[in-house]
Amino acid sequence: MFCFIRCFKILKIAVLGSTKGTDLQAIIDAIDTGKLIDVEISIVISNKEEAYILQRAEQYDIPALFISGKDRTREEFDTEVMRILDEKGIGLVLLIGYMRFISKGFVDKWSNKIMNVHPSLLPKYAGGMDKGVHETILAAGEKETGCTIHFVDEGADTGPIIIQKKCDIEFGETIDTLKEKVQKLEGIAFIEVIELFRDGKIKVIDNKVIIE
């Protein structure tokens, strides 16, 4: 009688966030229900001490850490973050409502291992944040919108696009209803890209993403 043991390596994820971390909840739920396997959220880091994303992590016994950016350069702040990521053996970094620009040193070291979500179909409406993006989209009279997950480079939402999820904009749509609709797509998109990354199916060639 033979016993076959599945060999696997856990993908350790770090989440950087400054706000509520709604998308983090979708990832936590997927892990807890077994929908997302061989993945661990190893740490959640915030530059905002009162950010709910830290409390959300603690509720699930996920290590949560506040790092102050006061009186520090961007490079000094990121150096501390990178030290922690190295100590934790992190393989993938997710930016979820992270209200800081990443330094060149951080981008270079973690090239194609840092993902950000943006609440529009990039390259449209790049550079905006949160409800301001939805407000601009509605004012422009768009018929559809969605979310984009992309690798992070030194620009504002300019890194290689990994996947996009779309939804229609309905008559009478408001900023709040549109945000809720898009956030649901963000959770779905994050789970999908994490699986692809875990399985080694994402390649970047000539600054374009190829999914194998």
N, C-alpha and C. Protein backbone atom coordinates (compact mmCIF):
# COMPACT_ATOMS: atom_id res chain seq x y z
N MET A 1 0.86 -1.20 0.00
CA MET A 1 0.00 0.00 0.00
C MET A 1 0.89 1.23 0.00
N PHE A 2 0.60 2.12 -0.94
CA PHE A 2 1.42 3.32 -1.06
C PHE A 2 0.64 4.53 -0.55
N CYS A 3 1.37 5.44 0.05
CA CYS A 3 0.76 6.69 0.54
C CYS A 3 1.37 7.84 -0.24
N PHE A 4 0.53 8.56 -0.92
CA PHE A 4 1.00 9.69 -1.71
C PHE A 4 0.78 10.98 -0.91
N ILE A 5 1.85 11.69 -0.67
CA ILE A 5 1.77 12.94 0.11
C ILE A 5 1.96 14.12 -0.84
N ARG A 6 1.00 15.02 -0.79
CA ARG A 6 1.08 16.21 -1.64
C ARG A 6 2.07 17.20 -1.04
N CYS A 7 3.07 17.52 -1.83
CA CYS A 7 4.07 18.47 -1.36
C CYS A 7 3.66 19.88 -1.79
N PHE A 8 3.74 20.80 -0.88
CA PHE A 8 3.36 22.17 -1.21
C PHE A 8 4.13 23.15 -0.34
N LYS A 9 4.17 24.37 -0.80
CA LYS A 9 4.79 25.44 -0.04
C LYS A 9 3.75 26.52 0.20
N ILE A 10 3.62 26.92 1.44
CA ILE A 10 2.64 27.95 1.78
C ILE A 10 3.10 29.30 1.24
N LEU A 11 2.20 29.98 0.55
CA LEU A 11 2.47 31.35 0.10
C LEU A 11 2.16 32.30 1.25
N LYS A 12 3.18 32.98 1.74
CA LYS A 12 3.00 33.92 2.84
C LYS A 12 2.77 35.32 2.29
N ILE A 13 1.67 35.90 2.71
CA ILE A 13 1.25 37.21 2.20
C ILE A 13 1.33 38.27 3.28
N ALA A 14 1.79 39.45 2.89
CA ALA A 14 1.72 40.64 3.75
C ALA A 14 0.72 41.61 3.13
N VAL A 15 -0.09 42.22 3.96
CA VAL A 15 -1.06 43.21 3.50
C VAL A 15 -0.70 44.56 4.09
N LEU A 16 -0.58 45.56 3.24
CA LEU A 16 -0.35 46.94 3.67
C LEU A 16 -1.62 47.73 3.42
N GLY A 17 -2.13 48.40 4.45
CA GLY A 17 -3.38 49.14 4.28
C GLY A 17 -3.47 50.31 5.22
N SER A 18 -4.31 51.27 4.84
CA SER A 18 -4.47 52.47 5.65
C SER A 18 -5.92 52.72 6.06
N THR A 19 -6.84 51.88 5.58
CA THR A 19 -8.25 52.15 5.81
C THR A 19 -8.95 50.95 6.46
N LYS A 20 -10.13 50.60 6.00
CA LYS A 20 -10.93 49.56 6.63
C LYS A 20 -10.49 48.14 6.26
N GLY A 21 -9.95 47.97 5.07
CA GLY A 21 -9.50 46.64 4.66
C GLY A 21 -10.64 45.71 4.28
N THR A 22 -11.64 46.26 3.59
CA THR A 22 -12.79 45.44 3.19
C THR A 22 -12.35 44.26 2.32
N ASP A 23 -11.44 44.49 1.41
CA ASP A 23 -10.97 43.41 0.53
C ASP A 23 -10.21 42.35 1.32
N LEU A 24 -9.58 42.75 2.40
CA LEU A 24 -8.89 41.78 3.25
C LEU A 24 -9.88 40.75 3.78
N GLN A 25 -11.08 41.20 4.11
CA GLN A 25 -12.09 40.28 4.64
C GLN A 25 -12.42 39.18 3.65
N ALA A 26 -12.52 39.55 2.39
CA ALA A 26 -12.81 38.55 1.35
C ALA A 26 -11.72 37.49 1.29
N ILE A 27 -10.48 37.89 1.45
CA ILE A 27 -9.36 36.95 1.41
C ILE A 27 -9.38 36.06 2.65
N ILE A 28 -9.61 36.67 3.81
CA ILE A 28 -9.70 35.91 5.06
C ILE A 28 -10.79 34.85 4.96
N ASP A 29 -11.96 35.25 4.46
CA ASP A 29 -13.09 34.33 4.35
C ASP A 29 -12.76 33.17 3.41
N ALA A 30 -12.08 33.49 2.31
CA ALA A 30 -11.73 32.45 1.33
C ALA A 30 -10.75 31.44 1.94
N ILE A 31 -9.84 31.92 2.77
CA ILE A 31 -8.90 31.02 3.44
C ILE A 31 -9.63 30.18 4.48
N ASP A 32 -10.48 30.83 5.27
CA ASP A 32 -11.18 30.13 6.36
C ASP A 32 -12.13 29.05 5.85
N THR A 33 -12.72 29.28 4.68
CA THR A 33 -13.67 28.30 4.14
C THR A 33 -13.00 27.24 3.28
N GLY A 34 -11.70 27.38 3.08
CA GLY A 34 -10.98 26.40 2.26
C GLY A 34 -11.05 26.67 0.78
N LYS A 35 -11.64 27.79 0.40
CA LYS A 35 -11.69 28.14 -1.02
C LYS A 35 -10.30 28.52 -1.53
N LEU A 36 -9.52 29.14 -0.66
CA LEU A 36 -8.16 29.56 -1.00
C LEU A 36 -7.20 28.77 -0.11
N ILE A 37 -6.47 27.86 -0.72
CA ILE A 37 -5.60 26.97 0.05
C ILE A 37 -4.12 27.28 -0.18
N ASP A 38 -3.30 26.76 0.73
CA ASP A 38 -1.84 26.92 0.66
C ASP A 38 -1.43 28.39 0.68
N VAL A 39 -2.23 29.19 1.40
CA VAL A 39 -1.99 30.63 1.49
C VAL A 39 -2.15 31.05 2.95
N GLU A 40 -1.28 31.94 3.39
CA GLU A 40 -1.34 32.44 4.76
C GLU A 40 -1.14 33.95 4.76
N ILE A 41 -2.01 34.65 5.46
CA ILE A 41 -1.78 36.08 5.68
C ILE A 41 -0.89 36.18 6.91
N SER A 42 0.37 36.49 6.70
CA SER A 42 1.36 36.43 7.76
C SER A 42 1.42 37.70 8.59
N ILE A 43 1.08 38.84 7.99
CA ILE A 43 1.10 40.10 8.72
C ILE A 43 0.30 41.16 7.98
N VAL A 44 -0.32 42.04 8.75
CA VAL A 44 -0.99 43.22 8.21
C VAL A 44 -0.30 44.44 8.81
N ILE A 45 0.13 45.35 7.97
CA ILE A 45 0.85 46.55 8.41
C ILE A 45 0.08 47.79 7.97
N SER A 46 -0.01 48.77 8.88
CA SER A 46 -0.68 50.02 8.53
C SER A 46 0.15 51.21 9.00
N ASN A 47 0.08 52.28 8.23
CA ASN A 47 0.70 53.54 8.62
C ASN A 47 -0.27 54.42 9.41
N LYS A 48 -1.49 53.90 9.64
CA LYS A 48 -2.51 54.62 10.40
C LYS A 48 -2.86 53.80 11.64
N GLU A 49 -2.58 54.35 12.81
CA GLU A 49 -2.75 53.59 14.05
C GLU A 49 -4.19 53.17 14.29
N GLU A 50 -5.14 54.00 13.87
CA GLU A 50 -6.56 53.72 14.12
C GLU A 50 -7.24 53.03 12.95
N ALA A 51 -6.50 52.63 11.95
CA ALA A 51 -7.10 52.00 10.77
C ALA A 51 -7.78 50.69 11.16
N TYR A 52 -9.01 50.53 10.70
CA TYR A 52 -9.77 49.34 11.06
C TYR A 52 -9.15 48.05 10.50
N ILE A 53 -8.35 48.18 9.48
CA ILE A 53 -7.72 46.99 8.90
C ILE A 53 -6.88 46.25 9.95
N LEU A 54 -6.29 46.99 10.91
CA LEU A 54 -5.53 46.37 11.98
C LEU A 54 -6.44 45.59 12.92
N GLN A 55 -7.58 46.19 13.27
CA GLN A 55 -8.54 45.50 14.13
C GLN A 55 -9.11 44.28 13.41
N ARG A 56 -9.37 44.41 12.14
CA ARG A 56 -9.91 43.30 11.36
C ARG A 56 -8.94 42.11 11.40
N ALA A 57 -7.66 42.40 11.24
CA ALA A 57 -6.65 41.34 11.29
C ALA A 57 -6.61 40.68 12.67
N GLU A 58 -6.63 41.49 13.71
CA GLU A 58 -6.53 40.97 15.08
C GLU A 58 -7.71 40.06 15.42
N GLN A 59 -8.87 40.35 14.86
CA GLN A 59 -10.04 39.52 15.11
C GLN A 59 -9.84 38.09 14.64
N TYR A 60 -8.92 37.90 13.70
CA TYR A 60 -8.65 36.57 13.16
C TYR A 60 -7.25 36.08 13.54
N ASP A 61 -6.71 36.67 14.60
CA ASP A 61 -5.39 36.29 15.12
C ASP A 61 -4.29 36.42 14.08
N ILE A 62 -4.44 37.40 13.20
CA ILE A 62 -3.39 37.71 12.23
C ILE A 62 -2.51 38.81 12.82
N PRO A 63 -1.20 38.63 12.85
CA PRO A 63 -0.32 39.68 13.37
C PRO A 63 -0.58 41.01 12.68
N ALA A 64 -0.78 42.06 13.50
CA ALA A 64 -1.09 43.38 12.96
C ALA A 64 -0.13 44.39 13.56
N LEU A 65 0.41 45.26 12.72
CA LEU A 65 1.46 46.16 13.18
C LEU A 65 1.25 47.57 12.62
N PHE A 66 1.29 48.55 13.52
CA PHE A 66 1.28 49.96 13.12
C PHE A 66 2.71 50.45 13.05
N ILE A 67 3.05 51.10 11.93
CA ILE A 67 4.36 51.72 11.79
C ILE A 67 4.14 53.19 11.47
N SER A 68 4.64 54.05 12.30
CA SER A 68 4.46 55.48 12.10
C SER A 68 5.40 56.01 11.02
N GLY A 69 4.85 56.87 10.17
CA GLY A 69 5.67 57.50 9.16
C GLY A 69 6.13 58.89 9.56
N LYS A 70 5.79 59.29 10.79
CA LYS A 70 6.13 60.63 11.26
C LYS A 70 7.63 60.82 11.35
N ASP A 71 8.09 61.94 10.81
CA ASP A 71 9.51 62.32 10.86
C ASP A 71 10.42 61.29 10.18
N ARG A 72 9.86 60.58 9.19
CA ARG A 72 10.66 59.63 8.43
C ARG A 72 10.53 59.92 6.95
N THR A 73 11.58 59.68 6.22
CA THR A 73 11.47 59.77 4.77
C THR A 73 10.74 58.52 4.27
N ARG A 74 10.30 58.56 3.04
CA ARG A 74 9.65 57.40 2.45
C ARG A 74 10.60 56.20 2.45
N GLU A 75 11.86 56.47 2.17
CA GLU A 75 12.85 55.40 2.12
C GLU A 75 13.06 54.78 3.50
N GLU A 76 13.11 55.60 4.54
CA GLU A 76 13.30 55.09 5.90
C GLU A 76 12.11 54.23 6.33
N PHE A 77 10.92 54.70 6.02
CA PHE A 77 9.71 53.94 6.36
C PHE A 77 9.71 52.60 5.64
N ASP A 78 9.97 52.62 4.36
CA ASP A 78 9.93 51.39 3.57
C ASP A 78 11.04 50.42 3.96
N THR A 79 12.17 50.94 4.40
CA THR A 79 13.25 50.06 4.85
C THR A 79 12.80 49.23 6.04
N GLU A 80 12.08 49.85 6.97
CA GLU A 80 11.58 49.09 8.12
C GLU A 80 10.54 48.06 7.69
N VAL A 81 9.65 48.46 6.77
CA VAL A 81 8.64 47.52 6.28
C VAL A 81 9.32 46.33 5.62
N MET A 82 10.30 46.59 4.77
CA MET A 82 10.99 45.50 4.06
C MET A 82 11.73 44.57 5.01
N ARG A 83 12.27 45.12 6.07
CA ARG A 83 12.95 44.29 7.07
C ARG A 83 11.96 43.30 7.68
N ILE A 84 10.77 43.77 7.99
CA ILE A 84 9.74 42.91 8.57
C ILE A 84 9.29 41.85 7.57
N LEU A 85 9.12 42.25 6.31
CA LEU A 85 8.72 41.29 5.29
C LEU A 85 9.76 40.19 5.13
N ASP A 86 11.04 40.56 5.19
CA ASP A 86 12.11 39.57 5.09
C ASP A 86 12.06 38.61 6.28
N GLU A 87 11.84 39.16 7.47
CA GLU A 87 11.79 38.32 8.68
C GLU A 87 10.64 37.32 8.62
N LYS A 88 9.54 37.73 7.99
CA LYS A 88 8.36 36.88 7.91
C LYS A 88 8.41 35.90 6.74
N GLY A 89 9.39 36.04 5.89
CA GLY A 89 9.48 35.15 4.72
C GLY A 89 8.34 35.38 3.73
N ILE A 90 7.98 36.64 3.54
CA ILE A 90 6.85 37.00 2.68
C ILE A 90 7.16 36.74 1.21
N GLY A 91 6.16 36.21 0.50
CA GLY A 91 6.32 35.95 -0.93
C GLY A 91 5.52 36.88 -1.80
N LEU A 92 4.49 37.53 -1.21
CA LEU A 92 3.62 38.42 -1.99
C LEU A 92 3.11 39.53 -1.08
N VAL A 93 3.11 40.76 -1.61
CA VAL A 93 2.62 41.92 -0.87
C VAL A 93 1.38 42.46 -1.56
N LEU A 94 0.31 42.66 -0.78
CA LEU A 94 -0.92 43.24 -1.31
C LEU A 94 -1.14 44.62 -0.71
N LEU A 95 -1.43 45.58 -1.55
CA LEU A 95 -1.80 46.92 -1.08
C LEU A 95 -3.32 47.02 -1.12
N ILE A 96 -3.92 47.20 0.05
CA ILE A 96 -5.37 47.29 0.15
C ILE A 96 -5.72 48.60 0.85
N GLY A 97 -6.09 49.59 0.04
CA GLY A 97 -6.38 50.91 0.60
C GLY A 97 -5.16 51.52 1.26
N TYR A 98 -4.01 51.34 0.65
CA TYR A 98 -2.75 51.82 1.23
C TYR A 98 -2.47 53.23 0.72
N MET A 99 -2.49 54.20 1.62
CA MET A 99 -2.40 55.60 1.25
C MET A 99 -0.97 56.13 1.32
N ARG A 100 -0.06 55.38 0.74
CA ARG A 100 1.33 55.82 0.64
C ARG A 100 1.89 55.40 -0.71
N PHE A 101 2.79 56.21 -1.23
CA PHE A 101 3.52 55.81 -2.43
C PHE A 101 4.72 54.97 -2.00
N ILE A 102 5.02 53.94 -2.79
CA ILE A 102 6.12 53.05 -2.49
C ILE A 102 7.42 53.61 -3.05
N SER A 103 8.49 53.50 -2.28
CA SER A 103 9.79 54.02 -2.72
C SER A 103 10.39 53.15 -3.83
N LYS A 104 11.34 53.72 -4.55
CA LYS A 104 11.99 52.99 -5.63
C LYS A 104 12.69 51.73 -5.11
N GLY A 105 13.33 51.85 -3.95
CA GLY A 105 14.01 50.71 -3.39
C GLY A 105 13.07 49.55 -3.09
N PHE A 106 11.89 49.88 -2.60
CA PHE A 106 10.88 48.87 -2.30
C PHE A 106 10.40 48.21 -3.60
N VAL A 107 10.10 49.04 -4.58
CA VAL A 107 9.62 48.53 -5.87
C VAL A 107 10.67 47.64 -6.53
N ASP A 108 11.91 48.07 -6.49
CA ASP A 108 12.98 47.30 -7.13
C ASP A 108 13.17 45.94 -6.45
N LYS A 109 13.18 45.94 -5.13
CA LYS A 109 13.42 44.69 -4.41
C LYS A 109 12.26 43.71 -4.58
N TRP A 110 11.05 44.24 -4.63
CA TRP A 110 9.86 43.39 -4.67
C TRP A 110 9.18 43.46 -6.04
N SER A 111 9.98 43.65 -7.06
CA SER A 111 9.45 43.77 -8.42
C SER A 111 8.56 42.58 -8.78
N ASN A 112 7.36 42.88 -9.25
CA ASN A 112 6.36 41.88 -9.65
C ASN A 112 5.94 40.97 -8.50
N LYS A 113 6.09 41.49 -7.27
CA LYS A 113 5.60 40.77 -6.09
C LYS A 113 4.76 41.69 -5.20
N ILE A 114 4.45 42.88 -5.71
CA ILE A 114 3.57 43.81 -5.00
C ILE A 114 2.36 44.08 -5.89
N MET A 115 1.17 43.80 -5.38
CA MET A 115 -0.06 44.01 -6.14
C MET A 115 -0.92 45.09 -5.48
N ASN A 116 -1.53 45.89 -6.31
CA ASN A 116 -2.46 46.93 -5.84
C ASN A 116 -3.79 46.78 -6.55
N VAL A 117 -4.85 47.15 -5.87
CA VAL A 117 -6.17 47.16 -6.50
C VAL A 117 -6.61 48.61 -6.71
N HIS A 118 -7.19 48.88 -7.87
CA HIS A 118 -7.69 50.23 -8.18
C HIS A 118 -9.15 50.12 -8.60
N PRO A 119 -10.01 51.00 -8.10
CA PRO A 119 -11.45 50.90 -8.37
C PRO A 119 -11.89 51.50 -9.70
N SER A 120 -11.17 51.17 -10.76
CA SER A 120 -11.58 51.57 -12.11
C SER A 120 -10.95 50.61 -13.10
N LEU A 121 -11.33 50.74 -14.34
CA LEU A 121 -10.74 49.93 -15.40
C LEU A 121 -9.54 50.69 -15.96
N LEU A 122 -8.41 50.51 -15.31
CA LEU A 122 -7.21 51.20 -15.75
C LEU A 122 -6.92 50.90 -17.22
N PRO A 123 -6.31 51.84 -17.94
CA PRO A 123 -5.70 53.07 -17.45
C PRO A 123 -6.66 54.23 -17.19
N LYS A 124 -7.95 54.01 -17.36
CA LYS A 124 -8.90 55.09 -17.05
C LYS A 124 -8.88 55.43 -15.57
N TYR A 125 -8.90 56.70 -15.28
CA TYR A 125 -9.05 57.23 -13.92
C TYR A 125 -7.93 56.79 -12.98
N ALA A 126 -6.74 56.64 -13.53
CA ALA A 126 -5.58 56.34 -12.70
C ALA A 126 -5.26 57.53 -11.80
N GLY A 127 -4.70 57.24 -10.64
CA GLY A 127 -4.26 58.31 -9.74
C GLY A 127 -5.30 58.74 -8.73
N GLY A 128 -6.57 58.39 -8.96
CA GLY A 128 -7.62 58.75 -8.01
C GLY A 128 -7.70 57.75 -6.88
N MET A 129 -8.50 58.09 -5.87
CA MET A 129 -8.63 57.21 -4.71
C MET A 129 -10.08 57.09 -4.27
N ASP A 130 -10.45 55.89 -3.90
CA ASP A 130 -11.69 55.58 -3.20
C ASP A 130 -12.92 56.24 -3.86
N LYS A 131 -13.73 56.93 -3.07
CA LYS A 131 -14.99 57.47 -3.59
C LYS A 131 -14.78 58.52 -4.67
N GLY A 132 -13.62 59.18 -4.63
CA GLY A 132 -13.33 60.19 -5.65
C GLY A 132 -13.31 59.58 -7.05
N VAL A 133 -12.84 58.34 -7.16
CA VAL A 133 -12.81 57.66 -8.46
C VAL A 133 -14.24 57.40 -8.93
N HIS A 134 -15.07 56.87 -8.04
CA HIS A 134 -16.46 56.56 -8.42
C HIS A 134 -17.23 57.83 -8.78
N GLU A 135 -16.98 58.90 -8.05
CA GLU A 135 -17.64 60.17 -8.35
C GLU A 135 -17.27 60.67 -9.75
N THR A 136 -16.00 60.57 -10.09
CA THR A 136 -15.54 61.01 -11.40
C THR A 136 -16.12 60.14 -12.52
N ILE A 137 -16.20 58.83 -12.26
CA ILE A 137 -16.75 57.91 -13.25
C ILE A 137 -18.23 58.22 -13.52
N LEU A 138 -18.98 58.46 -12.47
CA LEU A 138 -20.41 58.79 -12.63
C LEU A 138 -20.58 60.12 -13.36
N ALA A 139 -19.75 61.09 -13.01
CA ALA A 139 -19.83 62.41 -13.65
C ALA A 139 -19.49 62.34 -15.13
N ALA A 140 -18.66 61.37 -15.50
CA ALA A 140 -18.26 61.21 -16.91
C ALA A 140 -19.32 60.48 -17.73
N GLY A 141 -20.34 59.95 -17.05
CA GLY A 141 -21.41 59.26 -17.76
C GLY A 141 -21.02 57.90 -18.30
N GLU A 142 -20.05 57.25 -17.66
CA GLU A 142 -19.63 55.92 -18.09
C GLU A 142 -20.77 54.91 -17.96
N LYS A 143 -20.78 53.93 -18.83
CA LYS A 143 -21.79 52.88 -18.80
C LYS A 143 -21.32 51.64 -18.06
N GLU A 144 -20.02 51.49 -17.91
CA GLU A 144 -19.47 50.37 -17.16
C GLU A 144 -18.22 50.80 -16.42
N THR A 145 -17.90 50.06 -15.40
CA THR A 145 -16.69 50.32 -14.63
C THR A 145 -16.22 48.98 -14.07
N GLY A 146 -15.43 49.02 -13.02
CA GLY A 146 -14.94 47.78 -12.45
C GLY A 146 -13.71 48.02 -11.62
N CYS A 147 -12.87 47.02 -11.54
CA CYS A 147 -11.64 47.14 -10.76
C CYS A 147 -10.48 46.53 -11.53
N THR A 148 -9.30 46.93 -11.15
CA THR A 148 -8.07 46.43 -11.77
C THR A 148 -7.08 46.04 -10.69
N ILE A 149 -6.50 44.87 -10.82
CA ILE A 149 -5.37 44.52 -9.97
C ILE A 149 -4.12 44.53 -10.83
N HIS A 150 -3.12 45.26 -10.37
CA HIS A 150 -1.90 45.42 -11.16
C HIS A 150 -0.68 45.32 -10.27
N PHE A 151 0.44 45.00 -10.88
CA PHE A 151 1.69 45.05 -10.16
C PHE A 151 2.07 46.52 -9.95
N VAL A 152 2.78 46.78 -8.87
CA VAL A 152 3.13 48.15 -8.52
C VAL A 152 4.49 48.52 -9.09
N ASP A 153 4.54 49.69 -9.73
CA ASP A 153 5.81 50.26 -10.15
C ASP A 153 5.94 51.62 -9.47
N GLU A 154 6.81 52.48 -9.97
CA GLU A 154 7.03 53.77 -9.32
C GLU A 154 5.96 54.81 -9.64
N GLY A 155 5.11 54.53 -10.61
CA GLY A 155 4.08 55.48 -10.98
C GLY A 155 2.81 55.31 -10.16
N ALA A 156 1.81 56.13 -10.47
CA ALA A 156 0.52 56.06 -9.80
C ALA A 156 -0.42 55.21 -10.65
N ASP A 157 -0.59 53.96 -10.26
CA ASP A 157 -1.48 53.02 -10.96
C ASP A 157 -1.03 52.76 -12.40
N THR A 158 0.28 52.70 -12.59
CA THR A 158 0.81 52.53 -13.94
C THR A 158 1.47 51.17 -14.18
N GLY A 159 1.52 50.31 -13.16
CA GLY A 159 2.18 49.02 -13.30
C GLY A 159 1.42 48.06 -14.18
N PRO A 160 2.04 46.97 -14.58
CA PRO A 160 1.42 45.98 -15.48
C PRO A 160 0.10 45.46 -14.92
N ILE A 161 -0.93 45.49 -15.75
CA ILE A 161 -2.26 45.04 -15.34
C ILE A 161 -2.31 43.51 -15.34
N ILE A 162 -2.82 42.94 -14.24
CA ILE A 162 -2.93 41.49 -14.12
C ILE A 162 -4.32 41.04 -14.56
N ILE A 163 -5.35 41.51 -13.87
CA ILE A 163 -6.73 41.20 -14.28
C ILE A 163 -7.65 42.38 -14.01
N GLN A 164 -8.78 42.37 -14.71
CA GLN A 164 -9.83 43.36 -14.48
C GLN A 164 -11.17 42.65 -14.38
N LYS A 165 -12.04 43.20 -13.56
CA LYS A 165 -13.42 42.71 -13.43
C LYS A 165 -14.35 43.89 -13.72
N LYS A 166 -15.39 43.62 -14.51
CA LYS A 166 -16.27 44.70 -14.96
C LYS A 166 -17.68 44.55 -14.40
N CYS A 167 -18.37 45.70 -14.32
CA CYS A 167 -19.79 45.71 -13.97
C CYS A 167 -20.46 46.88 -14.67
N ASP A 168 -21.76 46.74 -14.91
CA ASP A 168 -22.53 47.82 -15.53
C ASP A 168 -22.85 48.90 -14.50
N ILE A 169 -22.97 50.11 -15.00
CA ILE A 169 -23.43 51.23 -14.16
C ILE A 169 -24.90 51.44 -14.46
N GLU A 170 -25.73 51.23 -13.47
CA GLU A 170 -27.17 51.27 -13.66
C GLU A 170 -27.73 52.68 -13.48
N PHE A 171 -28.93 52.88 -14.02
CA PHE A 171 -29.61 54.18 -13.87
C PHE A 171 -29.84 54.44 -12.39
N GLY A 172 -29.53 55.64 -11.94
CA GLY A 172 -29.73 56.00 -10.55
C GLY A 172 -28.60 55.57 -9.63
N GLU A 173 -27.54 55.04 -10.21
CA GLU A 173 -26.39 54.60 -9.41
C GLU A 173 -25.82 55.78 -8.63
N THR A 174 -25.42 55.53 -7.39
CA THR A 174 -24.79 56.55 -6.56
C THR A 174 -23.34 56.16 -6.29
N ILE A 175 -22.62 57.09 -5.72
CA ILE A 175 -21.22 56.80 -5.37
C ILE A 175 -21.14 55.61 -4.43
N ASP A 176 -22.04 55.57 -3.45
CA ASP A 176 -22.00 54.50 -2.45
C ASP A 176 -22.40 53.15 -3.04
N THR A 177 -23.43 53.13 -3.88
CA THR A 177 -23.84 51.85 -4.46
C THR A 177 -22.80 51.33 -5.43
N LEU A 178 -22.16 52.26 -6.15
CA LEU A 178 -21.12 51.86 -7.09
C LEU A 178 -19.89 51.33 -6.34
N LYS A 179 -19.54 51.99 -5.25
CA LYS A 179 -18.40 51.53 -4.45
C LYS A 179 -18.64 50.12 -3.93
N GLU A 180 -19.84 49.87 -3.42
CA GLU A 180 -20.17 48.55 -2.90
C GLU A 180 -20.08 47.48 -3.99
N LYS A 181 -20.59 47.82 -5.16
CA LYS A 181 -20.59 46.88 -6.28
C LYS A 181 -19.15 46.55 -6.71
N VAL A 182 -18.33 47.58 -6.82
CA VAL A 182 -16.95 47.39 -7.27
C VAL A 182 -16.14 46.64 -6.21
N GLN A 183 -16.40 46.93 -4.93
CA GLN A 183 -15.64 46.25 -3.88
C GLN A 183 -15.88 44.74 -3.88
N LYS A 184 -17.09 44.33 -4.23
CA LYS A 184 -17.36 42.90 -4.34
C LYS A 184 -16.49 42.28 -5.44
N LEU A 185 -16.33 43.00 -6.52
CA LEU A 185 -15.47 42.53 -7.60
C LEU A 185 -14.01 42.48 -7.17
N GLU A 186 -13.61 43.45 -6.35
CA GLU A 186 -12.22 43.49 -5.88
C GLU A 186 -11.87 42.23 -5.09
N GLY A 187 -12.78 41.80 -4.21
CA GLY A 187 -12.55 40.60 -3.43
C GLY A 187 -12.38 39.38 -4.31
N ILE A 188 -13.26 39.26 -5.30
CA ILE A 188 -13.19 38.14 -6.25
C ILE A 188 -11.87 38.18 -7.02
N ALA A 189 -11.49 39.37 -7.45
CA ALA A 189 -10.27 39.54 -8.24
C ALA A 189 -9.03 39.18 -7.42
N PHE A 190 -9.00 39.60 -6.17
CA PHE A 190 -7.85 39.30 -5.32
C PHE A 190 -7.67 37.80 -5.15
N ILE A 191 -8.75 37.12 -4.88
CA ILE A 191 -8.66 35.66 -4.69
C ILE A 191 -8.12 35.00 -5.96
N GLU A 192 -8.60 35.46 -7.10
CA GLU A 192 -8.15 34.89 -8.37
C GLU A 192 -6.67 35.11 -8.61
N VAL A 193 -6.18 36.34 -8.38
CA VAL A 193 -4.77 36.61 -8.65
C VAL A 193 -3.85 35.93 -7.64
N ILE A 194 -4.32 35.80 -6.41
CA ILE A 194 -3.51 35.09 -5.40
C ILE A 194 -3.32 33.64 -5.83
N GLU A 195 -4.39 33.01 -6.30
CA GLU A 195 -4.29 31.63 -6.79
C GLU A 195 -3.32 31.53 -7.96
N LEU A 196 -3.43 32.45 -8.89
CA LEU A 196 -2.55 32.45 -10.06
C LEU A 196 -1.09 32.64 -9.66
N PHE A 197 -0.86 33.56 -8.73
CA PHE A 197 0.50 33.82 -8.27
C PHE A 197 1.05 32.62 -7.52
N ARG A 198 0.25 32.05 -6.64
CA ARG A 198 0.64 30.87 -5.87
C ARG A 198 1.07 29.73 -6.78
N ASP A 199 0.36 29.57 -7.88
CA ASP A 199 0.62 28.47 -8.80
C ASP A 199 1.66 28.80 -9.87
N GLY A 200 2.27 29.98 -9.77
CA GLY A 200 3.32 30.35 -10.71
C GLY A 200 2.83 30.60 -12.13
N LYS A 201 1.58 31.03 -12.26
CA LYS A 201 0.99 31.19 -13.59
C LYS A 201 1.05 32.63 -14.12
N ILE A 202 1.63 33.53 -13.34
CA ILE A 202 1.73 34.92 -13.78
C ILE A 202 3.18 35.23 -14.16
N LYS A 203 3.37 35.66 -15.39
CA LYS A 203 4.69 36.07 -15.87
C LYS A 203 4.60 37.50 -16.38
N VAL A 204 5.69 38.25 -16.24
CA VAL A 204 5.75 39.61 -16.78
C VAL A 204 6.84 39.64 -17.83
N ILE A 205 6.45 39.92 -19.07
CA ILE A 205 7.38 39.98 -20.18
C ILE A 205 7.19 41.32 -20.89
N ASP A 206 8.30 42.08 -21.00
CA ASP A 206 8.23 43.41 -21.62
C ASP A 206 7.15 44.28 -20.99
N ASN A 207 7.09 44.21 -19.66
CA ASN A 207 6.16 45.04 -18.87
C ASN A 207 4.70 44.70 -19.11
N LYS A 208 4.43 43.51 -19.65
CA LYS A 208 3.06 43.04 -19.84
C LYS A 208 2.89 41.71 -19.12
N VAL A 209 1.71 41.52 -18.56
CA VAL A 209 1.43 40.30 -17.81
C VAL A 209 0.94 39.21 -18.77
N ILE A 210 1.54 38.04 -18.63
CA ILE A 210 1.11 36.85 -19.36
C ILE A 210 0.62 35.83 -18.34
N ILE A 211 -0.62 35.37 -18.49
CA ILE A 211 -1.17 34.37 -17.58
C ILE A 211 -1.14 33.03 -18.29
N GLU A 212 -0.43 32.08 -17.72
CA GLU A 212 -0.22 30.79 -18.36
C GLU A 212 -1.31 29.80 -17.96
